[in-house]
């Protein structure tokens, strides 16, 4: 099937330059009294590929548009990653830098998730 072929291609792409990452997940749940209860867990190591993507970002200055570098991550279709929201915050360290996962976009073919693309924010 096509979706299986794309999953295999993405796995091979990740394997060519993989980063073995352990995600720390902070989970917030409502406590029923108007506040939050927070818990932190460490997920099992997962293989990802981190890359940089140039993009156009509009900055309000006299010089107008500026090129900014975005940091992205490719994950396998079944990767355990969550976008940043009021419930989840996934962070990890790679090399000498810390990152958080800002957004997760599942890429579909034939109705199946074939890989995930994540937007990262560098914390340090």
C-alpha atoms as a PDB file:
ATOM      1  CA  UNK A   1       0.000   0.000   0.000  1.00  0.00           C
ATOM      2  CA  UNK A   2       1.131   3.549  -0.684  1.00  0.00           C
ATOM      3  CA  UNK A   3       0.875   4.687   2.932  1.00  0.00           C
ATOM      4  CA  UNK A   4       3.160   1.839   4.068  1.00  0.00           C
ATOM      5  CA  UNK A   5       5.706   2.799   1.412  1.00  0.00           C
ATOM      6  CA  UNK A   6       5.706   6.434   2.587  1.00  0.00           C
ATOM      7  CA  UNK A   7       6.043   5.335   6.222  1.00  0.00           C
ATOM      8  CA  UNK A   8       9.067   3.240   5.248  1.00  0.00           C
ATOM      9  CA  UNK A   9      10.596   6.139   3.278  1.00  0.00           C
ATOM     10  CA  UNK A  10      10.170   8.488   6.239  1.00  0.00           C
ATOM     11  CA  UNK A  11      11.682   5.929   8.630  1.00  0.00           C
ATOM     12  CA  UNK A  12      14.700   5.621   6.290  1.00  0.00           C
ATOM     13  CA  UNK A  13      15.002   9.430   6.114  1.00  0.00           C
ATOM     14  CA  UNK A  14      14.971   9.673   9.905  1.00  0.00           C
ATOM     15  CA  UNK A  15      17.526   6.837  10.215  1.00  0.00           C
ATOM     16  CA  UNK A  16      20.011   8.666   7.923  1.00  0.00           C
ATOM     17  CA  UNK A  17      20.454  11.465  10.466  1.00  0.00           C
ATOM     18  CA  UNK A  18      18.562  10.416  13.563  1.00  0.00           C
ATOM     19  CA  UNK A  19      18.477  12.080  16.914  1.00  0.00           C
ATOM     20  CA  UNK A  20      17.576   9.773  19.795  1.00  0.00           C
ATOM     21  CA  UNK A  21      15.497  11.951  22.077  1.00  0.00           C
ATOM     22  CA  UNK A  22      13.875  11.491  25.461  1.00  0.00           C
ATOM     23  CA  UNK A  23      10.877  13.781  25.897  1.00  0.00           C
ATOM     24  CA  UNK A  24       9.909  15.211  29.264  1.00  0.00           C
ATOM     25  CA  UNK A  25       6.151  15.766  29.339  1.00  0.00           C
ATOM     26  CA  UNK A  26       4.457  18.151  31.727  1.00  0.00           C
ATOM     27  CA  UNK A  27       0.742  17.416  32.008  1.00  0.00           C
ATOM     28  CA  UNK A  28      -1.753  19.809  33.584  1.00  0.00           C
ATOM     29  CA  UNK A  29      -5.222  18.741  34.662  1.00  0.00           C
ATOM     30  CA  UNK A  30      -7.956  20.824  36.217  1.00  0.00           C
ATOM     31  CA  UNK A  31      -8.212  20.218  39.965  1.00  0.00           C
ATOM     32  CA  UNK A  32     -11.937  21.043  40.113  1.00  0.00           C
ATOM     33  CA  UNK A  33     -11.381  24.105  42.299  1.00  0.00           C
ATOM     34  CA  UNK A  34     -10.316  26.495  39.561  1.00  0.00           C
ATOM     35  CA  UNK A  35      -6.650  25.526  39.621  1.00  0.00           C
ATOM     36  CA  UNK A  36      -4.378  22.977  38.022  1.00  0.00           C
ATOM     37  CA  UNK A  37      -2.505  19.867  39.075  1.00  0.00           C
ATOM     38  CA  UNK A  38       0.791  19.338  37.281  1.00  0.00           C
ATOM     39  CA  UNK A  39       2.635  16.065  36.732  1.00  0.00           C
ATOM     40  CA  UNK A  40       5.906  15.451  34.913  1.00  0.00           C
ATOM     41  CA  UNK A  41       6.813  12.203  33.167  1.00  0.00           C
ATOM     42  CA  UNK A  42       9.714  11.004  31.049  1.00  0.00           C
ATOM     43  CA  UNK A  43       8.877   9.130  27.837  1.00  0.00           C
ATOM     44  CA  UNK A  44      10.888   6.296  26.319  1.00  0.00           C
ATOM     45  CA  UNK A  45      13.622   7.279  23.856  1.00  0.00           C
ATOM     46  CA  UNK A  46      12.348   7.934  20.310  1.00  0.00           C
ATOM     47  CA  UNK A  47      14.124   8.489  16.980  1.00  0.00           C
ATOM     48  CA  UNK A  48      13.522  11.841  15.275  1.00  0.00           C
ATOM     49  CA  UNK A  49      15.218  13.956  12.647  1.00  0.00           C
ATOM     50  CA  UNK A  50      15.823  17.624  13.419  1.00  0.00           C
ATOM     51  CA  UNK A  51      16.347  20.085  10.582  1.00  0.00           C
ATOM     52  CA  UNK A  52      16.329  23.801   9.897  1.00  0.00           C
ATOM     53  CA  UNK A  53      13.951  25.440   7.456  1.00  0.00           C
ATOM     54  CA  UNK A  54      14.249  28.984   6.165  1.00  0.00           C
ATOM     55  CA  UNK A  55      11.036  30.946   6.106  1.00  0.00           C
ATOM     56  CA  UNK A  56       9.766  34.470   5.646  1.00  0.00           C
ATOM     57  CA  UNK A  57       8.737  36.174   8.872  1.00  0.00           C
ATOM     58  CA  UNK A  58       7.181  39.638   8.906  1.00  0.00           C
ATOM     59  CA  UNK A  59       8.763  41.893  11.497  1.00  0.00           C
ATOM     60  CA  UNK A  60       7.354  45.349  12.103  1.00  0.00           C
ATOM     61  CA  UNK A  61      10.430  47.448  11.378  1.00  0.00           C
ATOM     62  CA  UNK A  62      11.478  49.998   8.774  1.00  0.00           C
ATOM     63  CA  UNK A  63      13.289  47.274   6.842  1.00  0.00           C
ATOM     64  CA  UNK A  64      10.168  45.051   6.471  1.00  0.00           C
ATOM     65  CA  UNK A  65      10.500  41.313   5.847  1.00  0.00           C
ATOM     66  CA  UNK A  66      13.339  39.343   7.370  1.00  0.00           C
ATOM     67  CA  UNK A  67      14.412  35.739   6.903  1.00  0.00           C
ATOM     68  CA  UNK A  68      14.189  33.674  10.063  1.00  0.00           C
ATOM     69  CA  UNK A  69      15.278  30.098  10.581  1.00  0.00           C
ATOM     70  CA  UNK A  70      12.668  27.640  11.801  1.00  0.00           C
ATOM     71  CA  UNK A  71      13.604  24.449  13.596  1.00  0.00           C
ATOM     72  CA  UNK A  72      11.536  21.408  12.619  1.00  0.00           C
ATOM     73  CA  UNK A  73      11.431  17.782  13.601  1.00  0.00           C
ATOM     74  CA  UNK A  74      10.236  14.773  11.595  1.00  0.00           C
ATOM     75  CA  UNK A  75       8.768  11.905  13.589  1.00  0.00           C
ATOM     76  CA  UNK A  76       7.479   8.471  12.694  1.00  0.00           C
ATOM     77  CA  UNK A  77       3.731   8.082  12.249  1.00  0.00           C
ATOM     78  CA  UNK A  78       3.287   6.565  15.714  1.00  0.00           C
ATOM     79  CA  UNK A  79       5.603   8.907  17.655  1.00  0.00           C
ATOM     80  CA  UNK A  80       4.399  10.026  21.075  1.00  0.00           C
ATOM     81  CA  UNK A  81       4.562  13.822  20.708  1.00  0.00           C
ATOM     82  CA  UNK A  82       2.063  16.478  21.768  1.00  0.00           C
ATOM     83  CA  UNK A  83       1.774  20.120  20.714  1.00  0.00           C
ATOM     84  CA  UNK A  84       2.115  22.794  23.370  1.00  0.00           C
ATOM     85  CA  UNK A  85      -1.287  23.686  24.803  1.00  0.00           C
ATOM     86  CA  UNK A  86      -2.903  24.262  28.195  1.00  0.00           C
ATOM     87  CA  UNK A  87      -2.701  20.517  28.964  1.00  0.00           C
ATOM     88  CA  UNK A  88       0.685  19.403  27.546  1.00  0.00           C
ATOM     89  CA  UNK A  89       4.223  20.725  27.334  1.00  0.00           C
ATOM     90  CA  UNK A  90       6.791  18.403  25.699  1.00  0.00           C
ATOM     91  CA  UNK A  91      10.443  19.417  26.083  1.00  0.00           C
ATOM     92  CA  UNK A  92      13.778  17.756  25.360  1.00  0.00           C
ATOM     93  CA  UNK A  93      17.506  18.380  25.217  1.00  0.00           C
ATOM     94  CA  UNK A  94      19.646  17.646  22.185  1.00  0.00           C
ATOM     95  CA  UNK A  95      23.308  18.503  22.037  1.00  0.00           C
ATOM     96  CA  UNK A  96      23.782  21.548  24.212  1.00  0.00           C
ATOM     97  CA  UNK A  97      20.322  23.013  23.581  1.00  0.00           C
ATOM     98  CA  UNK A  98      16.858  22.652  25.075  1.00  0.00           C
ATOM     99  CA  UNK A  99      13.705  22.674  22.947  1.00  0.00           C
ATOM    100  CA  UNK A 100       9.952  22.581  23.312  1.00  0.00           C
ATOM    101  CA  UNK A 101       7.514  21.161  20.796  1.00  0.00           C
ATOM    102  CA  UNK A 102       5.276  24.033  19.684  1.00  0.00           C
ATOM    103  CA  UNK A 103       3.097  22.296  17.100  1.00  0.00           C
ATOM    104  CA  UNK A 104       2.514  18.805  15.708  1.00  0.00           C
ATOM    105  CA  UNK A 105       1.138  18.269  12.218  1.00  0.00           C
ATOM    106  CA  UNK A 106       0.138  14.741  11.220  1.00  0.00           C
ATOM    107  CA  UNK A 107       0.690  14.105   7.504  1.00  0.00           C
ATOM    108  CA  UNK A 108      -1.894  11.796   5.923  1.00  0.00           C
ATOM    109  CA  UNK A 109      -1.986   9.579   2.835  1.00  0.00           C
ATOM    110  CA  UNK A 110      -4.976   7.375   2.017  1.00  0.00           C
ATOM    111  CA  UNK A 111      -6.498   8.256   5.397  1.00  0.00           C
ATOM    112  CA  UNK A 112      -3.468   7.025   7.377  1.00  0.00           C
ATOM    113  CA  UNK A 113      -0.896   9.067   9.282  1.00  0.00           C
ATOM    114  CA  UNK A 114       2.412   8.514   7.447  1.00  0.00           C
ATOM    115  CA  UNK A 115       4.639  10.794   9.543  1.00  0.00           C
ATOM    116  CA  UNK A 116       4.498  13.794  11.849  1.00  0.00           C
ATOM    117  CA  UNK A 117       6.135  17.193  11.399  1.00  0.00           C
ATOM    118  CA  UNK A 118       6.754  19.253  14.507  1.00  0.00           C
ATOM    119  CA  UNK A 119       7.664  22.899  14.960  1.00  0.00           C
ATOM    120  CA  UNK A 120      10.248  23.464  17.693  1.00  0.00           C
ATOM    121  CA  UNK A 121      11.268  26.438  19.766  1.00  0.00           C
ATOM    122  CA  UNK A 122      14.791  26.675  21.095  1.00  0.00           C
ATOM    123  CA  UNK A 123      14.781  27.437  24.808  1.00  0.00           C
ATOM    124  CA  UNK A 124      18.529  27.892  25.344  1.00  0.00           C
END
